[in-house]
Amino acid sequence: MALGRYVLRYLGDGPKPPADVSRARQAPGVTVVDESPKMLLIEGDDASLAGLAEAFPGWAVTPEQTYSIPDARKRLGGPPD
């Protein structure tokens, strides 16, 4: 069973509704990893996360995206010719 991470972003005005946050925290197989004033980062197995879009109207549900940071250190070239 693979674990996935999703971002739930509240699309309404103002902060996210506390009742929705409570519902997300109590959902079986789902863990709230982090939150901000308008978003939740949740983790769970794919079966538990499958119905999120229908369960949270007024929220956008998207898979978490991660990016690697490029190595910006300067490097010396090879030995001089």
N, C-alpha and C. Protein backbone atom coordinates (compact mmCIF):
# COMPACT_ATOMS: atom_id res chain seq x y z
N MET A 1 0.85 -1.17 0.00
CA MET A 1 0.00 0.00 0.00
C MET A 1 0.90 1.24 0.00
N ALA A 2 0.81 2.05 -1.04
CA ALA A 2 1.66 3.22 -1.18
C ALA A 2 1.04 4.42 -0.48
N LEU A 3 1.89 5.18 0.19
CA LEU A 3 1.43 6.41 0.83
C LEU A 3 1.62 7.56 -0.14
N GLY A 4 0.64 8.44 -0.19
CA GLY A 4 0.71 9.62 -1.03
C GLY A 4 0.51 10.86 -0.18
N ARG A 5 0.98 11.97 -0.69
CA ARG A 5 0.78 13.26 -0.02
C ARG A 5 0.01 14.18 -0.94
N TYR A 6 -0.97 14.87 -0.37
CA TYR A 6 -1.79 15.79 -1.13
C TYR A 6 -1.89 17.11 -0.40
N VAL A 7 -2.07 18.18 -1.18
CA VAL A 7 -2.28 19.51 -0.63
C VAL A 7 -3.75 19.83 -0.82
N LEU A 8 -4.42 20.19 0.26
CA LEU A 8 -5.80 20.66 0.21
C LEU A 8 -5.75 22.17 0.42
N ARG A 9 -6.22 22.93 -0.57
CA ARG A 9 -6.21 24.39 -0.49
C ARG A 9 -7.64 24.88 -0.44
N TYR A 10 -7.96 25.65 0.60
CA TYR A 10 -9.30 26.19 0.75
C TYR A 10 -9.48 27.34 -0.23
N LEU A 11 -10.53 27.29 -1.04
CA LEU A 11 -10.76 28.29 -2.08
C LEU A 11 -11.68 29.43 -1.66
N GLY A 12 -12.28 29.32 -0.49
CA GLY A 12 -13.21 30.35 -0.03
C GLY A 12 -12.49 31.56 0.55
N ASP A 13 -13.27 32.55 0.93
CA ASP A 13 -12.72 33.75 1.57
C ASP A 13 -12.39 33.44 3.03
N GLY A 14 -11.35 34.09 3.52
CA GLY A 14 -10.97 33.93 4.91
C GLY A 14 -10.21 32.64 5.16
N PRO A 15 -10.00 32.33 6.44
CA PRO A 15 -9.24 31.12 6.78
C PRO A 15 -10.07 29.86 6.54
N LYS A 16 -9.40 28.74 6.55
CA LYS A 16 -10.08 27.46 6.31
C LYS A 16 -11.06 27.16 7.45
N PRO A 17 -12.18 26.52 7.16
CA PRO A 17 -13.17 26.22 8.19
C PRO A 17 -12.64 25.18 9.19
N PRO A 18 -12.73 25.47 10.48
CA PRO A 18 -12.28 24.51 11.50
C PRO A 18 -12.98 23.16 11.41
N ALA A 19 -14.24 23.15 10.99
CA ALA A 19 -14.97 21.88 10.89
C ALA A 19 -14.34 20.98 9.82
N ASP A 20 -13.90 21.57 8.71
CA ASP A 20 -13.25 20.78 7.66
C ASP A 20 -11.90 20.26 8.13
N VAL A 21 -11.17 21.06 8.87
CA VAL A 21 -9.87 20.62 9.40
C VAL A 21 -10.08 19.46 10.36
N SER A 22 -11.08 19.57 11.20
CA SER A 22 -11.39 18.49 12.14
C SER A 22 -11.77 17.21 11.40
N ARG A 23 -12.55 17.35 10.33
CA ARG A 23 -12.95 16.19 9.53
C ARG A 23 -11.74 15.53 8.88
N ALA A 24 -10.79 16.34 8.39
CA ALA A 24 -9.58 15.78 7.78
C ALA A 24 -8.73 15.05 8.81
N ARG A 25 -8.64 15.61 10.01
CA ARG A 25 -7.84 14.98 11.07
C ARG A 25 -8.45 13.66 11.53
N GLN A 26 -9.77 13.52 11.44
CA GLN A 26 -10.45 12.31 11.91
C GLN A 26 -10.66 11.28 10.82
N ALA A 27 -10.31 11.61 9.57
CA ALA A 27 -10.52 10.66 8.47
C ALA A 27 -9.63 9.44 8.66
N PRO A 28 -10.19 8.25 8.50
CA PRO A 28 -9.38 7.03 8.69
C PRO A 28 -8.32 6.90 7.60
N GLY A 29 -7.12 6.55 7.99
CA GLY A 29 -6.03 6.34 7.05
C GLY A 29 -5.38 7.61 6.55
N VAL A 30 -5.74 8.77 7.14
CA VAL A 30 -5.21 10.06 6.70
C VAL A 30 -4.53 10.74 7.88
N THR A 31 -3.36 11.32 7.63
CA THR A 31 -2.62 12.08 8.65
C THR A 31 -2.39 13.49 8.14
N VAL A 32 -2.71 14.48 8.96
CA VAL A 32 -2.41 15.88 8.61
C VAL A 32 -0.96 16.11 8.99
N VAL A 33 -0.12 16.37 8.00
CA VAL A 33 1.31 16.53 8.21
C VAL A 33 1.66 17.97 8.58
N ASP A 34 1.01 18.94 7.91
CA ASP A 34 1.30 20.35 8.14
C ASP A 34 0.08 21.16 7.72
N GLU A 35 0.01 22.39 8.21
CA GLU A 35 -1.08 23.26 7.80
C GLU A 35 -0.65 24.72 7.83
N SER A 36 -1.33 25.51 7.02
CA SER A 36 -1.14 26.95 6.97
C SER A 36 -2.54 27.57 7.03
N PRO A 37 -2.67 28.89 7.01
CA PRO A 37 -4.01 29.48 7.14
C PRO A 37 -5.03 29.02 6.10
N LYS A 38 -4.59 28.64 4.89
CA LYS A 38 -5.54 28.22 3.86
C LYS A 38 -5.28 26.82 3.31
N MET A 39 -4.28 26.11 3.84
CA MET A 39 -3.94 24.82 3.26
C MET A 39 -3.66 23.75 4.32
N LEU A 40 -3.83 22.49 3.88
CA LEU A 40 -3.45 21.33 4.68
C LEU A 40 -2.58 20.44 3.81
N LEU A 41 -1.53 19.90 4.38
CA LEU A 41 -0.73 18.86 3.72
C LEU A 41 -1.10 17.57 4.42
N ILE A 42 -1.65 16.62 3.66
CA ILE A 42 -2.09 15.36 4.25
C ILE A 42 -1.37 14.20 3.60
N GLU A 43 -1.29 13.11 4.36
CA GLU A 43 -0.63 11.90 3.89
C GLU A 43 -1.52 10.72 4.21
N GLY A 44 -1.54 9.76 3.32
CA GLY A 44 -2.32 8.56 3.57
C GLY A 44 -2.20 7.59 2.41
N ASP A 45 -2.81 6.42 2.57
CA ASP A 45 -2.78 5.45 1.49
C ASP A 45 -3.73 5.91 0.39
N ASP A 46 -3.45 5.47 -0.83
CA ASP A 46 -4.19 5.94 -2.00
C ASP A 46 -5.69 5.67 -1.89
N ALA A 47 -6.07 4.57 -1.29
CA ALA A 47 -7.49 4.26 -1.15
C ALA A 47 -8.20 5.26 -0.24
N SER A 48 -7.54 5.69 0.83
CA SER A 48 -8.13 6.65 1.75
C SER A 48 -8.22 8.04 1.14
N LEU A 49 -7.28 8.38 0.27
CA LEU A 49 -7.22 9.72 -0.32
C LEU A 49 -8.03 9.84 -1.61
N ALA A 50 -8.54 8.73 -2.12
CA ALA A 50 -9.20 8.74 -3.42
C ALA A 50 -10.43 9.65 -3.47
N GLY A 51 -11.21 9.70 -2.43
CA GLY A 51 -12.45 10.48 -2.45
C GLY A 51 -12.35 11.86 -1.86
N LEU A 52 -11.17 12.41 -1.76
CA LEU A 52 -11.00 13.71 -1.10
C LEU A 52 -11.71 14.85 -1.82
N ALA A 53 -11.64 14.88 -3.13
CA ALA A 53 -12.24 16.00 -3.87
C ALA A 53 -13.74 16.07 -3.61
N GLU A 54 -14.40 14.92 -3.53
CA GLU A 54 -15.84 14.91 -3.27
C GLU A 54 -16.14 15.20 -1.80
N ALA A 55 -15.26 14.76 -0.91
CA ALA A 55 -15.50 14.92 0.53
C ALA A 55 -15.27 16.34 1.00
N PHE A 56 -14.49 17.13 0.25
CA PHE A 56 -14.18 18.50 0.66
C PHE A 56 -14.57 19.49 -0.43
N PRO A 57 -15.88 19.78 -0.60
CA PRO A 57 -16.27 20.79 -1.58
C PRO A 57 -15.76 22.17 -1.12
N GLY A 58 -15.36 22.97 -2.07
CA GLY A 58 -14.80 24.29 -1.74
C GLY A 58 -13.30 24.23 -1.51
N TRP A 59 -12.71 23.06 -1.70
CA TRP A 59 -11.27 22.86 -1.56
C TRP A 59 -10.71 22.34 -2.87
N ALA A 60 -9.48 22.72 -3.19
CA ALA A 60 -8.76 22.14 -4.33
C ALA A 60 -7.83 21.07 -3.78
N VAL A 61 -7.85 19.91 -4.39
CA VAL A 61 -7.03 18.79 -3.95
C VAL A 61 -6.02 18.48 -5.05
N THR A 62 -4.73 18.61 -4.73
CA THR A 62 -3.68 18.33 -5.71
C THR A 62 -2.58 17.50 -5.07
N PRO A 63 -1.95 16.63 -5.84
CA PRO A 63 -0.82 15.87 -5.31
C PRO A 63 0.33 16.81 -4.94
N GLU A 64 1.05 16.47 -3.89
CA GLU A 64 2.21 17.27 -3.50
C GLU A 64 3.27 17.17 -4.59
N GLN A 65 3.89 18.30 -4.90
CA GLN A 65 4.99 18.32 -5.86
C GLN A 65 6.24 18.73 -5.12
N THR A 66 7.32 18.03 -5.39
CA THR A 66 8.60 18.39 -4.79
C THR A 66 9.59 18.71 -5.90
N TYR A 67 10.52 19.56 -5.58
CA TYR A 67 11.53 19.98 -6.54
C TYR A 67 12.90 19.84 -5.90
N SER A 68 13.86 19.38 -6.68
CA SER A 68 15.21 19.32 -6.16
C SER A 68 15.88 20.68 -6.36
N ILE A 69 16.70 21.05 -5.41
CA ILE A 69 17.39 22.33 -5.47
C ILE A 69 18.67 22.13 -6.28
N PRO A 70 18.88 22.97 -7.30
CA PRO A 70 20.09 22.79 -8.10
C PRO A 70 21.35 23.11 -7.29
N ASP A 71 22.43 22.43 -7.62
CA ASP A 71 23.70 22.67 -6.96
C ASP A 71 24.35 23.89 -7.61
N ALA A 72 24.40 25.01 -6.91
CA ALA A 72 24.90 26.26 -7.46
C ALA A 72 26.35 26.54 -7.08
N ARG A 73 27.00 25.56 -6.46
CA ARG A 73 28.40 25.79 -6.08
C ARG A 73 29.28 25.86 -7.33
N LYS A 74 30.22 26.76 -7.30
CA LYS A 74 31.15 26.87 -8.42
C LYS A 74 32.14 25.73 -8.33
N ARG A 75 32.51 25.21 -9.47
CA ARG A 75 33.44 24.09 -9.51
C ARG A 75 34.67 24.49 -10.31
N LEU A 76 35.79 23.98 -9.87
CA LEU A 76 37.03 24.19 -10.61
C LEU A 76 37.03 23.24 -11.79
N GLY A 77 37.59 23.72 -12.89
CA GLY A 77 37.72 22.85 -14.05
C GLY A 77 38.84 21.86 -13.82
N GLY A 78 39.17 21.13 -14.80
CA GLY A 78 40.26 20.16 -14.70
C GLY A 78 41.60 20.87 -14.59
N PRO A 79 42.67 20.14 -14.61
CA PRO A 79 44.00 20.76 -14.52
C PRO A 79 44.27 21.62 -15.76
N PRO A 80 45.05 22.68 -15.59
CA PRO A 80 45.34 23.54 -16.75
C PRO A 80 46.09 22.78 -17.82
N ASP A 81 45.88 23.17 -19.05
CA ASP A 81 46.55 22.49 -20.18
C ASP A 81 47.99 22.84 -20.28
